C-alpha atoms as a PDB file:
ATOM      1  CA  MET A   1      44.015 -26.514 280.035  1.00  0.00           C
ATOM      2  CA  LEU A   2      45.682 -25.118 276.908  1.00  0.00           C
ATOM      3  CA  GLY A   3      46.827 -28.611 275.938  1.00  0.00           C
ATOM      4  CA  ILE A   4      49.081 -28.865 278.993  1.00  0.00           C
ATOM      5  CA  GLU A   5      48.844 -32.349 280.474  1.00  0.00           C
ATOM      6  CA  ASP A   6      51.480 -32.255 283.199  1.00  0.00           C
ATOM      7  CA  VAL A   7      51.134 -30.217 286.393  1.00  0.00           C
ATOM      8  CA  SER A   8      54.809 -29.231 286.436  1.00  0.00           C
ATOM      9  CA  VAL A   9      54.601 -27.832 282.896  1.00  0.00           C
ATOM     10  CA  ALA A  10      51.495 -25.850 283.845  1.00  0.00           C
ATOM     11  CA  PHE A  11      53.304 -24.477 286.915  1.00  0.00           C
ATOM     12  CA  VAL A  12      56.312 -23.364 284.866  1.00  0.00           C
ATOM     13  CA  TRP A  13      54.011 -21.793 282.249  1.00  0.00           C
ATOM     14  CA  VAL A  14      52.169 -19.790 284.930  1.00  0.00           C
ATOM     15  CA  ALA A  15      55.476 -18.792 286.535  1.00  0.00           C
ATOM     16  CA  THR A  16      56.741 -17.529 283.172  1.00  0.00           C
ATOM     17  CA  VAL A  17      53.624 -15.428 282.583  1.00  0.00           C
ATOM     18  CA  LEU A  18      53.753 -13.999 286.116  1.00  0.00           C
ATOM     19  CA  SER A  19      57.447 -13.198 285.674  1.00  0.00           C
ATOM     20  CA  ALA A  20      56.739 -11.307 282.463  1.00  0.00           C
ATOM     21  CA  LEU A  21      53.925  -9.373 284.137  1.00  0.00           C
ATOM     22  CA  GLY A  22      56.231  -8.583 287.044  1.00  0.00           C
ATOM     23  CA  CYS A  23      58.830  -7.185 284.656  1.00  0.00           C
ATOM     24  CA  VAL A  24      56.242  -5.000 282.934  1.00  0.00           C
ATOM     25  CA  ILE A  25      54.931  -3.683 286.259  1.00  0.00           C
ATOM     26  CA  TYR A  26      58.457  -3.034 287.537  1.00  0.00           C
ATOM     27  CA  GLY A  27      59.351  -1.185 284.343  1.00  0.00           C
ATOM     28  CA  ALA A  28      56.198   0.934 284.535  1.00  0.00           C
ATOM     29  CA  VAL A  29      56.890   1.871 288.157  1.00  0.00           C
ATOM     30  CA  MET A  30      60.571   2.672 287.558  1.00  0.00           C
ATOM     31  CA  TRP A  31      60.025   4.425 284.185  1.00  0.00           C
ATOM     32  CA  ASN A  32      60.296   8.031 285.398  1.00  0.00           C
ATOM     33  CA  ARG A  33      62.538   7.572 288.407  1.00  0.00           C
ATOM     34  CA  GLY A  34      65.650   9.627 287.826  1.00  0.00           C
ATOM     35  CA  GLY A  35      68.885   7.707 287.849  1.00  0.00           C
ATOM     36  CA  GLY A  36      71.017  10.792 288.225  1.00  0.00           C
ATOM     37  CA  GLU A  37      72.319  13.265 285.709  1.00  0.00           C
ATOM     38  CA  ARG A  38      74.354  11.915 282.816  1.00  0.00           C
ATOM     39  CA  GLU A  39      76.877  14.038 280.982  1.00  0.00           C
END
């Protein structure tokens, strides 16, 4: 699978991809939430 021979490396690779997707989803959800007025 993608040249990954060790299970632990594959797990970390999947965790990294899922973390990046989680950040994108979180950013999309929070994009237009007002954080208060800034002066």
